């Protein structure tokens, strides 16, 4: 099979601020494999957790390096390809792009959408949350109005049922609380609101916020403590009235068993896991350990979010909204309908290029 790599940049409608910084645009990697006249598409987006960021350049370079080694292999030789990716130490973002492309190719080869090939039920897909970044209360309110179609900026979204609020403000938990109250004031009809601190709290702050948020009907807390502070999670787990999910603390299935006694669920992202193959393993490992599952995203286009949407019938919570905040997404795939991200009936991912 032949592998091609192309770089593209996407720009956000609203810059997203989390506890670690602000992002307004991202340069992603589009991967195409071709064999027997069939193309499979994948994507990688850069991300940074801890001391080892996966940059666009790193991901693209690693894929170009492995391309000659793939020429003798068939896209259905998945076990050999997975071993090759391990032997070449492909970073998880590059593995994800290639893995997704292989799944897309297989679905097109079988002439079936992935969700149907896997025997999943689209009716089980839960609503996706729409993310509001760290902002002053008045700006957060305006963002909510914009997404609900009540602001000055037109939005195609209809039927939003869930919001995710980014907390962990450098200004402290008082600023976090003010933002939560402001959002609830302007969107009383949205009853599914979760929060994500992106590791921006210390243990005592997380304890205090867990009780405060529970009193205000928040559904769950994501990554309250920073990666590396997993030793403090049992104390929070014992006291928190809200479910605790981890994101940065959980990359793949190997991380899950050690977290089972201190969290209620994990956030699976394709860039962390290394693709749909490992995402499957993570889902089943989490279930075997009594944990719930949510899906998340980085600055992913519709291609990546569509890929994960095919597995969405297996998730308890979804946060697959990054492409909804893009001004220039080059891809069209899963549709936003009544608050849900639904893959279509086309073979493979069901993703095409715009225009």
Protein backbone atom coordinates (compact mmCIF):
# COMPACT_ATOMS: atom_id res chain seq x y z
CA UNK A 1 0.00 0.00 0.00
CA UNK A 2 1.00 3.59 -0.59
CA UNK A 3 0.91 6.23 2.15
CA UNK A 4 0.68 9.99 1.61
CA UNK A 5 0.95 12.74 4.21
CA UNK A 6 -0.47 16.25 3.87
CA UNK A 7 -0.42 19.16 6.32
CA UNK A 8 -3.40 21.49 6.78
CA UNK A 9 -4.28 24.29 9.21
CA UNK A 10 -7.67 24.92 10.80
CA UNK A 11 -8.83 28.04 12.64
CA UNK A 12 -11.25 28.21 15.55
CA UNK A 13 -14.37 30.36 15.53
CA UNK A 14 -13.73 31.01 19.22
CA UNK A 15 -10.23 30.63 20.67
CA UNK A 16 -10.29 27.96 23.40
CA UNK A 17 -8.70 28.70 26.76
CA UNK A 18 -8.00 25.91 29.25
CA UNK A 19 -5.85 25.81 32.38
CA UNK A 20 -2.70 25.21 30.28
CA UNK A 21 -3.17 27.99 27.70
CA UNK A 22 -5.15 29.26 24.70
CA UNK A 23 -5.44 27.83 21.18
CA UNK A 24 -6.79 29.73 18.17
CA UNK A 25 -5.52 27.56 15.31
CA UNK A 26 -3.92 24.15 14.79
CA UNK A 27 -1.92 22.52 12.02
CA UNK A 28 -3.00 18.90 11.60
CA UNK A 29 -1.82 15.94 9.53
CA UNK A 30 -4.00 14.26 6.89
CA UNK A 31 -3.00 10.69 6.04
CA UNK A 32 -4.12 8.79 2.94
CA UNK A 33 -3.38 5.13 2.27
CA UNK A 34 -4.12 3.71 -1.17
CA UNK A 35 -4.37 0.09 -2.25
CA UNK A 36 -6.31 -1.63 -5.03
CA UNK A 37 -7.86 1.68 -6.03
CA UNK A 38 -9.34 2.28 -2.58
CA UNK A 39 -8.28 5.16 -0.32
CA UNK A 40 -8.39 5.15 3.47
CA UNK A 41 -8.19 8.45 5.33
CA UNK A 42 -6.83 9.29 8.76
CA UNK A 43 -5.81 12.38 10.70
CA UNK A 44 -3.60 13.45 13.55
CA UNK A 45 -3.72 16.65 15.59
CA UNK A 46 -0.80 17.81 17.77
CA UNK A 47 -1.19 17.83 21.53
CA UNK A 48 0.89 18.44 24.61
CA UNK A 49 0.65 16.72 27.96
CA UNK A 50 3.58 16.90 30.32
CA UNK A 51 7.15 17.05 29.01
CA UNK A 52 6.69 15.19 25.72
CA UNK A 53 4.48 17.12 23.26
CA UNK A 54 3.56 15.50 19.97
CA UNK A 55 4.07 18.23 17.40
CA UNK A 56 2.77 18.35 13.84
CA UNK A 57 6.33 18.01 12.54
CA UNK A 58 7.07 14.98 14.74
CA UNK A 59 3.91 13.19 13.66
CA UNK A 60 4.39 13.91 9.94
CA UNK A 61 8.07 12.95 10.02
CA UNK A 62 7.39 9.63 11.74
CA UNK A 63 4.69 8.74 9.19
CA UNK A 64 6.96 9.59 6.26
CA UNK A 65 9.63 7.39 7.81
CA UNK A 66 7.36 4.36 8.05
CA UNK A 67 5.81 4.82 4.58
CA UNK A 68 8.46 2.77 2.68
CA UNK A 69 8.03 -0.11 5.15
CA UNK A 70 4.30 -0.28 4.42
CA UNK A 71 4.63 -0.75 0.67
CA UNK A 72 4.89 -4.54 0.91
CA UNK A 73 1.91 -4.86 3.25
CA UNK A 74 -1.83 -5.16 2.57
CA UNK A 75 -4.19 -2.90 4.58
CA UNK A 76 -5.85 -6.01 6.05
CA UNK A 77 -2.57 -7.26 7.53
CA UNK A 78 -3.40 -5.38 10.70
CA UNK A 79 -1.39 -7.50 13.12
CA UNK A 80 1.80 -7.10 11.09
CA UNK A 81 1.21 -3.37 10.71
CA UNK A 82 0.60 -2.94 14.43
CA UNK A 83 3.84 -4.77 15.21
CA UNK A 84 5.66 -2.54 12.71
CA UNK A 85 4.29 0.59 14.38
CA UNK A 86 5.54 -0.68 17.74
CA UNK A 87 8.98 -1.58 16.38
CA UNK A 88 9.43 1.86 14.81
CA UNK A 89 8.22 3.60 18.03
CA UNK A 90 5.58 5.56 16.15
CA UNK A 91 4.12 8.26 18.46
CA UNK A 92 0.49 7.74 19.44
CA UNK A 93 -0.78 10.55 17.19
CA UNK A 94 0.89 9.02 14.13
CA UNK A 95 -0.36 5.55 15.07
CA UNK A 96 -3.88 6.94 15.35
CA UNK A 97 -3.77 8.55 11.90
CA UNK A 98 -2.57 5.34 10.27
CA UNK A 99 -4.92 3.12 12.27
CA UNK A 100 -7.95 5.25 11.35
CA UNK A 101 -6.94 5.19 7.68
CA UNK A 102 -6.73 1.39 7.81
CA UNK A 103 -10.20 1.17 9.33
CA UNK A 104 -11.57 3.55 6.70
CA UNK A 105 -9.99 1.42 3.96
CA UNK A 106 -11.44 -1.79 5.41
CA UNK A 107 -14.93 -0.28 5.65
CA UNK A 108 -14.78 0.88 2.04
CA UNK A 109 -13.45 -2.52 0.98
CA UNK A 110 -16.39 -4.20 2.72
CA UNK A 111 -18.78 -1.48 1.48
CA UNK A 112 -20.07 -0.89 5.01
CA UNK A 113 -19.88 2.04 7.46
CA UNK A 114 -17.71 1.19 10.45
CA UNK A 115 -20.56 1.37 12.98
CA UNK A 116 -22.45 -1.25 10.97
CA UNK A 117 -19.38 -3.37 10.33
CA UNK A 118 -18.92 -3.51 14.10
CA UNK A 119 -22.61 -4.28 14.71
CA UNK A 120 -23.26 -1.12 16.73
CA UNK A 121 -26.54 0.76 17.20
CA UNK A 122 -26.51 4.48 16.31
CA UNK A 123 -29.65 5.00 18.40
CA UNK A 124 -27.52 4.45 21.52
CA UNK A 125 -25.33 7.50 20.82
CA UNK A 126 -25.73 10.05 23.63
CA UNK A 127 -25.64 13.85 23.12
CA UNK A 128 -22.24 15.46 22.78
CA UNK A 129 -21.30 18.35 25.01
CA UNK A 130 -20.32 21.72 23.54
CA UNK A 131 -17.30 23.27 25.22
CA UNK A 132 -17.05 26.73 26.79
CA UNK A 133 -13.47 27.74 27.52
CA UNK A 134 -12.18 29.64 30.54
CA UNK A 135 -13.58 33.16 30.27
CA UNK A 136 -14.87 36.02 32.42
CA UNK A 137 -18.54 35.46 33.30
CA UNK A 138 -19.93 37.88 30.70
CA UNK A 139 -17.82 36.38 27.90
CA UNK A 140 -18.80 32.84 28.92
CA UNK A 141 -22.45 33.86 28.77
CA UNK A 142 -21.97 35.28 25.28
CA UNK A 143 -20.30 32.06 24.12
CA UNK A 144 -23.29 30.08 25.35
CA UNK A 145 -25.70 32.44 23.61
CA UNK A 146 -23.71 32.10 20.39
CA UNK A 147 -23.84 28.31 20.48
CA UNK A 148 -27.54 28.33 21.28
CA UNK A 149 -28.21 30.63 18.35
CA UNK A 150 -29.17 33.54 20.58
CA UNK A 151 -26.08 35.67 20.02
CA UNK A 152 -24.78 37.92 17.27
CA UNK A 153 -22.89 35.10 15.56
CA UNK A 154 -25.01 32.69 13.54
CA UNK A 155 -24.61 29.01 14.39
CA UNK A 156 -25.97 25.95 12.59
CA UNK A 157 -26.26 23.96 15.83
CA UNK A 158 -29.74 22.94 16.86
CA UNK A 159 -30.80 20.98 19.92
CA UNK A 160 -27.75 21.37 22.16
CA UNK A 161 -28.38 19.28 25.26
CA UNK A 162 -25.03 19.32 27.10
CA UNK A 163 -22.27 21.79 27.92
CA UNK A 164 -18.74 21.29 29.18
CA UNK A 165 -17.14 24.16 31.09
CA UNK A 166 -13.37 24.49 31.20
CA UNK A 167 -12.32 25.42 34.73
CA UNK A 168 -9.01 25.61 36.57
CA UNK A 169 -8.69 29.35 35.99
CA UNK A 170 -5.35 30.90 36.99
CA UNK A 171 -7.49 33.43 38.87
CA UNK A 172 -8.58 30.71 41.32
CA UNK A 173 -11.71 28.78 42.20
CA UNK A 174 -13.69 31.97 42.85
CA UNK A 175 -13.34 32.76 39.14
CA UNK A 176 -14.37 29.19 38.31
CA UNK A 177 -17.46 29.50 40.46
CA UNK A 178 -18.43 32.84 38.92
CA UNK A 179 -18.21 31.32 35.44
CA UNK A 180 -20.38 28.32 36.39
CA UNK A 181 -23.07 30.55 37.91
CA UNK A 182 -23.02 32.85 34.88
CA UNK A 183 -23.48 29.98 32.43
CA UNK A 184 -26.30 28.42 34.46
CA UNK A 185 -28.03 31.78 34.60
CA UNK A 186 -28.06 32.22 30.81
CA UNK A 187 -28.84 28.57 29.95
CA UNK A 188 -31.23 27.21 32.60
CA UNK A 189 -32.68 24.79 30.03
CA UNK A 190 -29.34 22.92 29.76
CA UNK A 191 -29.36 20.42 32.62
CA UNK A 192 -26.36 18.35 31.51
CA UNK A 193 -23.33 20.46 32.45
CA UNK A 194 -19.95 18.92 33.21
CA UNK A 195 -16.68 20.61 34.14
CA UNK A 196 -13.08 19.95 33.12
CA UNK A 197 -10.30 21.45 35.20
CA UNK A 198 -7.50 20.05 32.98
CA UNK A 199 -5.47 19.45 36.13
CA UNK A 200 -5.80 23.05 37.26
CA UNK A 201 -6.73 22.36 40.90
CA UNK A 202 -4.84 21.19 43.96
CA UNK A 203 -6.42 18.54 46.18
CA UNK A 204 -8.08 20.92 48.64
CA UNK A 205 -9.48 23.05 45.83
CA UNK A 206 -10.84 19.93 44.14
CA UNK A 207 -12.50 18.78 47.37
CA UNK A 208 -14.16 22.15 47.84
CA UNK A 209 -15.24 22.43 44.22
CA UNK A 210 -16.65 18.89 44.09
CA UNK A 211 -19.16 19.70 46.85
CA UNK A 212 -19.92 23.18 45.49
CA UNK A 213 -20.51 21.85 41.98
CA UNK A 214 -22.68 18.97 43.20
CA UNK A 215 -24.95 21.45 44.95
CA UNK A 216 -25.47 23.15 41.60
CA UNK A 217 -26.36 20.04 39.64
CA UNK A 218 -23.12 19.52 37.71
CA UNK A 219 -22.96 15.99 36.28
CA UNK A 220 -19.26 15.08 36.66
CA UNK A 221 -15.73 16.45 37.05
CA UNK A 222 -12.99 15.73 34.54
CA UNK A 223 -9.25 15.73 35.40
CA UNK A 224 -9.49 17.73 38.65
CA UNK A 225 -5.82 17.09 39.53
CA UNK A 226 -2.74 17.40 37.34
CA UNK A 227 -1.16 14.38 35.67
CA UNK A 228 1.39 13.06 38.18
CA UNK A 229 -0.93 13.64 41.16
CA UNK A 230 -2.77 10.35 40.78
CA UNK A 231 -1.70 9.48 44.33
CA UNK A 232 -4.10 12.17 45.60
CA UNK A 233 -7.07 10.82 43.67
CA UNK A 234 -8.14 8.19 46.28
CA UNK A 235 -8.73 10.91 48.88
CA UNK A 236 -10.85 12.90 46.44
CA UNK A 237 -12.62 9.76 45.22
CA UNK A 238 -13.70 8.89 48.76
CA UNK A 239 -15.18 12.32 49.43
CA UNK A 240 -16.47 13.56 46.08
CA UNK A 241 -20.26 13.55 45.63
CA UNK A 242 -19.66 13.76 41.86
CA UNK A 243 -18.17 11.17 39.49
CA UNK A 244 -14.52 11.79 38.63
CA UNK A 245 -13.18 11.16 35.13
CA UNK A 246 -9.53 11.37 34.11
CA UNK A 247 -8.13 12.47 30.77
CA UNK A 248 -4.46 13.44 30.92
CA UNK A 249 -3.86 10.68 33.49
CA UNK A 250 -5.00 7.94 31.09
CA UNK A 251 -3.46 7.41 27.67
CA UNK A 252 -4.17 3.77 26.84
CA UNK A 253 -5.47 0.46 28.19
CA UNK A 254 -2.31 -0.15 30.24
CA UNK A 255 -3.11 2.91 32.39
CA UNK A 256 -6.62 1.80 33.34
CA UNK A 257 -6.23 -0.95 35.99
CA UNK A 258 -4.20 1.26 38.32
CA UNK A 259 -6.88 3.96 38.16
CA UNK A 260 -9.85 1.69 38.85
CA UNK A 261 -9.85 2.26 42.63
CA UNK A 262 -9.66 6.06 42.43
CA UNK A 263 -11.85 7.30 39.55
CA UNK A 264 -15.28 6.62 38.13
CA UNK A 265 -14.38 6.82 34.46
CA UNK A 266 -11.82 7.59 31.75
CA UNK A 267 -11.69 9.93 28.76
CA UNK A 268 -10.60 8.20 25.54
CA UNK A 269 -9.04 10.36 22.84
CA UNK A 270 -7.72 8.99 19.56
CA UNK A 271 -4.47 10.94 19.78
CA UNK A 272 -3.64 9.53 23.22
CA UNK A 273 -4.77 5.98 22.56
CA UNK A 274 -3.16 5.56 19.16
CA UNK A 275 -6.33 4.93 17.18
CA UNK A 276 -9.60 3.04 17.01
CA UNK A 277 -7.94 -0.33 17.68
CA UNK A 278 -6.62 0.77 21.07
CA UNK A 279 -9.81 2.72 21.78
CA UNK A 280 -11.68 -0.62 21.53
CA UNK A 281 -9.23 -2.14 24.03
CA UNK A 282 -9.66 0.81 26.37
CA UNK A 283 -13.44 0.53 26.30
CA UNK A 284 -13.40 -3.15 27.22
CA UNK A 285 -10.64 -2.73 29.81
CA UNK A 286 -12.56 0.10 31.45
CA UNK A 287 -15.77 -1.94 31.54
CA UNK A 288 -13.91 -4.92 33.00
CA UNK A 289 -12.64 -2.61 35.75
CA UNK A 290 -16.09 -1.20 36.51
CA UNK A 291 -15.41 2.22 34.97
CA UNK A 292 -17.49 4.44 32.72
CA UNK A 293 -16.25 5.75 29.40
CA UNK A 294 -16.30 9.13 27.74
CA UNK A 295 -14.83 10.20 24.39
CA UNK A 296 -13.02 13.48 23.90
CA UNK A 297 -11.04 15.42 21.30
CA UNK A 298 -8.29 17.97 20.81
CA UNK A 299 -8.27 20.42 17.88
CA UNK A 300 -9.67 17.68 15.68
CA UNK A 301 -11.45 18.15 12.38
CA UNK A 302 -14.66 16.42 11.37
CA UNK A 303 -12.57 13.48 10.10
CA UNK A 304 -11.26 12.54 13.55
CA UNK A 305 -14.51 13.18 15.38
CA UNK A 306 -16.39 11.14 12.81
CA UNK A 307 -13.97 8.26 13.35
CA UNK A 308 -14.65 8.21 17.08
CA UNK A 309 -18.37 8.76 16.51
CA UNK A 310 -18.50 5.30 14.91
CA UNK A 311 -17.62 3.88 18.36
CA UNK A 312 -19.92 6.32 20.17
CA UNK A 313 -22.70 3.78 20.88
CA UNK A 314 -20.29 2.29 23.45
CA UNK A 315 -19.69 5.56 25.37
CA UNK A 316 -21.49 6.99 28.42
CA UNK A 317 -20.51 10.61 27.69
CA UNK A 318 -19.29 12.41 24.57
CA UNK A 319 -17.26 15.55 23.99
CA UNK A 320 -16.77 15.46 20.22
CA UNK A 321 -17.36 19.10 19.42
CA UNK A 322 -14.00 20.50 18.27
CA UNK A 323 -14.94 20.50 14.58
CA UNK A 324 -18.10 22.45 15.36
CA UNK A 325 -15.84 25.34 16.42
CA UNK A 326 -13.82 25.41 13.18
CA UNK A 327 -14.17 28.10 10.55
CA UNK A 328 -12.43 26.13 7.80
CA UNK A 329 -12.84 22.41 8.44
CA UNK A 330 -11.89 20.73 5.13
CA UNK A 331 -13.96 17.61 5.81
CA UNK A 332 -17.63 16.62 5.97
CA UNK A 333 -18.75 13.49 7.79
CA UNK A 334 -20.84 12.83 10.89
CA UNK A 335 -23.78 15.22 11.31
CA UNK A 336 -24.87 17.17 14.38
CA UNK A 337 -28.53 16.26 14.87
CA UNK A 338 -30.60 17.00 17.98
CA UNK A 339 -27.48 17.39 20.06
CA UNK A 340 -25.85 14.18 18.83
CA UNK A 341 -22.94 13.44 16.48
CA UNK A 342 -24.22 10.75 14.11
CA UNK A 343 -22.07 8.92 11.52
CA UNK A 344 -23.73 8.36 8.17
CA UNK A 345 -24.45 5.27 6.04
CA UNK A 346 -21.51 5.67 3.67
CA UNK A 347 -18.74 3.02 3.62
CA UNK A 348 -15.80 3.36 6.00
CA UNK A 349 -15.73 6.63 7.90
CA UNK A 350 -18.18 8.26 5.50
CA UNK A 351 -15.97 11.36 5.29
CA UNK A 352 -15.46 13.47 2.15
CA UNK A 353 -13.57 16.65 1.33
CA UNK A 354 -15.54 19.89 1.10
CA UNK A 355 -16.00 21.31 -2.35
